[in-house]
Amino acid sequence: MVFMEVSACTSMKTNVYKEKRAWLLSHEAFLTLQELAHQQGLQTAAFLEVISRELARQRLSEEQRAKIKAEAERIAAERKDTAQ
């Protein structure tokens, strides 16, 4: 029983430098997106939505876009019905 408590308290060794670097890169990417959104007069979430739509337009066929749009509308209607 005592052995289990001791083993549960020991932490695994981690590479703190890599974790800090990953955090800094993520944060830098977020700040870049935030600044780009600000330059276009949008909130970050709205800016990401615009980027996603543009990428989808470039990469998806009309049929694929129609299916995605129909599914999104179905989910939105389902959520609206659930909220009421």
N, C-alpha and C. Protein backbone atom coordinates (compact mmCIF):
# COMPACT_ATOMS: atom_id res chain seq x y z
N MET A 1 0.82 -1.19 0.00
CA MET A 1 0.00 0.00 0.00
C MET A 1 0.87 1.26 0.00
N VAL A 2 1.89 1.29 0.82
CA VAL A 2 2.78 2.44 0.88
C VAL A 2 3.52 2.59 -0.44
N PHE A 3 3.91 1.49 -1.04
CA PHE A 3 4.62 1.52 -2.31
C PHE A 3 3.77 2.17 -3.39
N MET A 4 2.48 1.88 -3.41
CA MET A 4 1.59 2.45 -4.41
C MET A 4 1.50 3.97 -4.25
N GLU A 5 1.45 4.44 -3.01
CA GLU A 5 1.37 5.87 -2.78
C GLU A 5 2.63 6.57 -3.25
N VAL A 6 3.78 5.98 -3.00
CA VAL A 6 5.04 6.58 -3.39
C VAL A 6 5.16 6.62 -4.92
N SER A 7 4.80 5.53 -5.58
CA SER A 7 4.92 5.50 -7.03
C SER A 7 3.94 6.48 -7.68
N ALA A 8 2.82 6.72 -7.06
CA ALA A 8 1.85 7.66 -7.62
C ALA A 8 2.34 9.09 -7.48
N CYS A 9 3.17 9.35 -6.49
CA CYS A 9 3.64 10.71 -6.25
C CYS A 9 4.84 11.08 -7.13
N THR A 10 5.57 10.09 -7.60
CA THR A 10 6.73 10.41 -8.44
C THR A 10 6.25 10.85 -9.81
N SER A 11 6.85 11.91 -10.31
CA SER A 11 6.43 12.41 -11.63
C SER A 11 7.38 11.90 -12.70
N MET A 12 6.85 11.82 -13.90
CA MET A 12 7.68 11.40 -15.01
C MET A 12 8.58 12.56 -15.41
N LYS A 13 9.78 12.23 -15.86
CA LYS A 13 10.69 13.28 -16.31
C LYS A 13 10.20 13.79 -17.66
N THR A 14 10.22 15.10 -17.80
CA THR A 14 9.80 15.70 -19.06
C THR A 14 10.89 16.64 -19.55
N ASN A 15 10.88 16.90 -20.80
CA ASN A 15 11.83 17.83 -21.38
C ASN A 15 11.19 19.21 -21.32
N VAL A 16 11.52 19.96 -20.30
CA VAL A 16 10.91 21.26 -20.06
C VAL A 16 11.23 22.23 -21.20
N TYR A 17 12.42 22.15 -21.75
CA TYR A 17 12.80 23.04 -22.84
C TYR A 17 11.87 22.85 -24.05
N LYS A 18 11.61 21.59 -24.41
CA LYS A 18 10.73 21.32 -25.55
C LYS A 18 9.32 21.78 -25.26
N GLU A 19 8.84 21.56 -24.05
CA GLU A 19 7.48 21.99 -23.70
C GLU A 19 7.37 23.51 -23.75
N LYS A 20 8.38 24.20 -23.24
CA LYS A 20 8.35 25.66 -23.25
C LYS A 20 8.42 26.18 -24.68
N ARG A 21 9.26 25.57 -25.50
CA ARG A 21 9.40 25.98 -26.89
C ARG A 21 8.08 25.76 -27.65
N ALA A 22 7.45 24.62 -27.40
CA ALA A 22 6.16 24.33 -28.06
C ALA A 22 5.12 25.36 -27.65
N TRP A 23 5.10 25.71 -26.36
CA TRP A 23 4.14 26.71 -25.88
C TRP A 23 4.40 28.05 -26.55
N LEU A 24 5.69 28.44 -26.61
CA LEU A 24 6.03 29.72 -27.22
C LEU A 24 5.63 29.77 -28.69
N LEU A 25 5.86 28.68 -29.42
CA LEU A 25 5.47 28.63 -30.83
C LEU A 25 3.96 28.71 -30.98
N SER A 26 3.23 28.01 -30.13
CA SER A 26 1.77 28.05 -30.18
C SER A 26 1.26 29.45 -29.89
N HIS A 27 1.85 30.06 -28.88
CA HIS A 27 1.43 31.40 -28.48
C HIS A 27 1.76 32.40 -29.59
N GLU A 28 2.93 32.26 -30.20
CA GLU A 28 3.31 33.15 -31.30
C GLU A 28 2.34 32.99 -32.47
N ALA A 29 1.96 31.77 -32.78
CA ALA A 29 1.00 31.53 -33.86
C ALA A 29 -0.34 32.18 -33.53
N PHE A 30 -0.77 32.05 -32.29
CA PHE A 30 -2.03 32.66 -31.88
C PHE A 30 -1.96 34.18 -32.01
N LEU A 31 -0.86 34.76 -31.54
CA LEU A 31 -0.72 36.22 -31.63
C LEU A 31 -0.71 36.68 -33.09
N THR A 32 -0.09 35.91 -33.97
CA THR A 32 -0.08 36.25 -35.39
C THR A 32 -1.50 36.23 -35.96
N LEU A 33 -2.25 35.18 -35.66
CA LEU A 33 -3.64 35.10 -36.12
C LEU A 33 -4.47 36.24 -35.55
N GLN A 34 -4.24 36.54 -34.28
CA GLN A 34 -4.98 37.62 -33.63
C GLN A 34 -4.69 38.96 -34.33
N GLU A 35 -3.43 39.20 -34.67
CA GLU A 35 -3.06 40.45 -35.34
C GLU A 35 -3.64 40.52 -36.74
N LEU A 36 -3.59 39.41 -37.48
CA LEU A 36 -4.18 39.38 -38.82
C LEU A 36 -5.68 39.65 -38.76
N ALA A 37 -6.33 39.08 -37.77
CA ALA A 37 -7.77 39.31 -37.60
C ALA A 37 -8.03 40.78 -37.30
N HIS A 38 -7.22 41.34 -36.42
CA HIS A 38 -7.38 42.75 -36.05
C HIS A 38 -7.20 43.65 -37.27
N GLN A 39 -6.23 43.34 -38.12
CA GLN A 39 -5.98 44.13 -39.33
C GLN A 39 -7.19 44.12 -40.26
N GLN A 40 -7.94 43.03 -40.23
CA GLN A 40 -9.13 42.94 -41.10
C GLN A 40 -10.40 43.37 -40.38
N GLY A 41 -10.25 43.80 -39.13
CA GLY A 41 -11.40 44.28 -38.37
C GLY A 41 -12.32 43.16 -37.89
N LEU A 42 -11.74 41.97 -37.69
CA LEU A 42 -12.53 40.82 -37.25
C LEU A 42 -12.04 40.30 -35.91
N GLN A 43 -12.92 39.59 -35.23
CA GLN A 43 -12.50 38.86 -34.05
C GLN A 43 -11.73 37.63 -34.53
N THR A 44 -10.88 37.08 -33.68
CA THR A 44 -10.04 35.96 -34.08
C THR A 44 -10.87 34.78 -34.56
N ALA A 45 -11.94 34.44 -33.86
CA ALA A 45 -12.78 33.30 -34.25
C ALA A 45 -13.40 33.53 -35.63
N ALA A 46 -13.88 34.74 -35.88
CA ALA A 46 -14.49 35.05 -37.18
C ALA A 46 -13.44 34.98 -38.28
N PHE A 47 -12.24 35.45 -37.99
CA PHE A 47 -11.15 35.39 -38.96
C PHE A 47 -10.82 33.94 -39.32
N LEU A 48 -10.74 33.08 -38.31
CA LEU A 48 -10.47 31.66 -38.55
C LEU A 48 -11.58 31.02 -39.38
N GLU A 49 -12.81 31.44 -39.15
CA GLU A 49 -13.94 30.92 -39.93
C GLU A 49 -13.80 31.33 -41.40
N VAL A 50 -13.41 32.58 -41.63
CA VAL A 50 -13.22 33.06 -43.01
C VAL A 50 -12.11 32.26 -43.69
N ILE A 51 -11.01 32.06 -42.99
CA ILE A 51 -9.89 31.29 -43.55
C ILE A 51 -10.34 29.87 -43.88
N SER A 52 -11.09 29.26 -42.97
CA SER A 52 -11.57 27.90 -43.20
C SER A 52 -12.46 27.82 -44.44
N ARG A 53 -13.34 28.80 -44.59
CA ARG A 53 -14.22 28.82 -45.76
C ARG A 53 -13.42 28.97 -47.05
N GLU A 54 -12.44 29.87 -47.03
CA GLU A 54 -11.62 30.08 -48.22
C GLU A 54 -10.86 28.81 -48.59
N LEU A 55 -10.29 28.14 -47.61
CA LEU A 55 -9.58 26.89 -47.88
C LEU A 55 -10.53 25.83 -48.42
N ALA A 56 -11.72 25.77 -47.86
CA ALA A 56 -12.71 24.79 -48.33
C ALA A 56 -13.09 25.07 -49.77
N ARG A 57 -13.26 26.34 -50.11
CA ARG A 57 -13.61 26.71 -51.48
C ARG A 57 -12.52 26.28 -52.46
N GLN A 58 -11.29 26.40 -52.03
CA GLN A 58 -10.17 26.06 -52.90
C GLN A 58 -10.00 24.55 -53.06
N ARG A 59 -10.32 23.79 -52.03
CA ARG A 59 -9.99 22.37 -52.03
C ARG A 59 -11.16 21.42 -52.25
N LEU A 60 -12.37 21.88 -52.02
CA LEU A 60 -13.52 20.99 -52.10
C LEU A 60 -14.32 21.21 -53.38
N SER A 61 -14.92 20.15 -53.87
CA SER A 61 -15.80 20.26 -55.03
C SER A 61 -17.13 20.87 -54.59
N GLU A 62 -17.92 21.29 -55.56
CA GLU A 62 -19.25 21.86 -55.26
C GLU A 62 -20.10 20.85 -54.49
N GLU A 63 -20.03 19.59 -54.90
CA GLU A 63 -20.82 18.54 -54.25
C GLU A 63 -20.41 18.38 -52.78
N GLN A 64 -19.11 18.38 -52.51
CA GLN A 64 -18.63 18.25 -51.13
C GLN A 64 -19.06 19.44 -50.29
N ARG A 65 -18.96 20.64 -50.87
CA ARG A 65 -19.38 21.84 -50.14
C ARG A 65 -20.87 21.80 -49.84
N ALA A 66 -21.67 21.34 -50.79
CA ALA A 66 -23.12 21.25 -50.58
C ALA A 66 -23.45 20.27 -49.46
N LYS A 67 -22.75 19.15 -49.42
CA LYS A 67 -22.97 18.17 -48.36
C LYS A 67 -22.61 18.75 -47.00
N ILE A 68 -21.49 19.45 -46.92
CA ILE A 68 -21.05 20.05 -45.66
C ILE A 68 -22.03 21.12 -45.21
N LYS A 69 -22.48 21.95 -46.15
CA LYS A 69 -23.44 23.00 -45.82
C LYS A 69 -24.75 22.41 -45.31
N ALA A 70 -25.23 21.35 -45.98
CA ALA A 70 -26.47 20.70 -45.56
C ALA A 70 -26.32 20.10 -44.16
N GLU A 71 -25.18 19.50 -43.90
CA GLU A 71 -24.94 18.92 -42.57
C GLU A 71 -24.87 20.01 -41.50
N ALA A 72 -24.23 21.11 -41.82
CA ALA A 72 -24.14 22.23 -40.86
C ALA A 72 -25.53 22.80 -40.57
N GLU A 73 -26.34 22.93 -41.61
CA GLU A 73 -27.70 23.44 -41.41
C GLU A 73 -28.54 22.47 -40.58
N ARG A 74 -28.36 21.18 -40.83
CA ARG A 74 -29.08 20.17 -40.05
C ARG A 74 -28.69 20.24 -38.57
N ILE A 75 -27.40 20.37 -38.30
CA ILE A 75 -26.92 20.45 -36.92
C ILE A 75 -27.44 21.73 -36.26
N ALA A 76 -27.41 22.84 -36.98
CA ALA A 76 -27.90 24.10 -36.43
C ALA A 76 -29.38 24.01 -36.11
N ALA A 77 -30.16 23.40 -37.00
CA ALA A 77 -31.60 23.24 -36.74
C ALA A 77 -31.84 22.33 -35.54
N GLU A 78 -31.05 21.28 -35.45
CA GLU A 78 -31.18 20.34 -34.33
C GLU A 78 -30.87 21.04 -33.01
N ARG A 79 -29.84 21.84 -32.99
CA ARG A 79 -29.49 22.59 -31.78
C ARG A 79 -30.58 23.61 -31.42
N LYS A 80 -31.12 24.24 -32.46
CA LYS A 80 -32.18 25.24 -32.22
C LYS A 80 -33.41 24.57 -31.62
N ASP A 81 -33.77 23.41 -32.16
CA ASP A 81 -34.91 22.66 -31.63
C ASP A 81 -34.67 22.20 -30.20
N THR A 82 -33.45 21.79 -29.91
CA THR A 82 -33.10 21.33 -28.56
C THR A 82 -33.15 22.48 -27.57
N ALA A 83 -32.75 23.68 -28.00
CA ALA A 83 -32.73 24.84 -27.13
C ALA A 83 -34.14 25.33 -26.79
N GLN A 84 -35.10 25.04 -27.66
CA GLN A 84 -36.47 25.53 -27.44
C GLN A 84 -37.25 24.67 -26.54
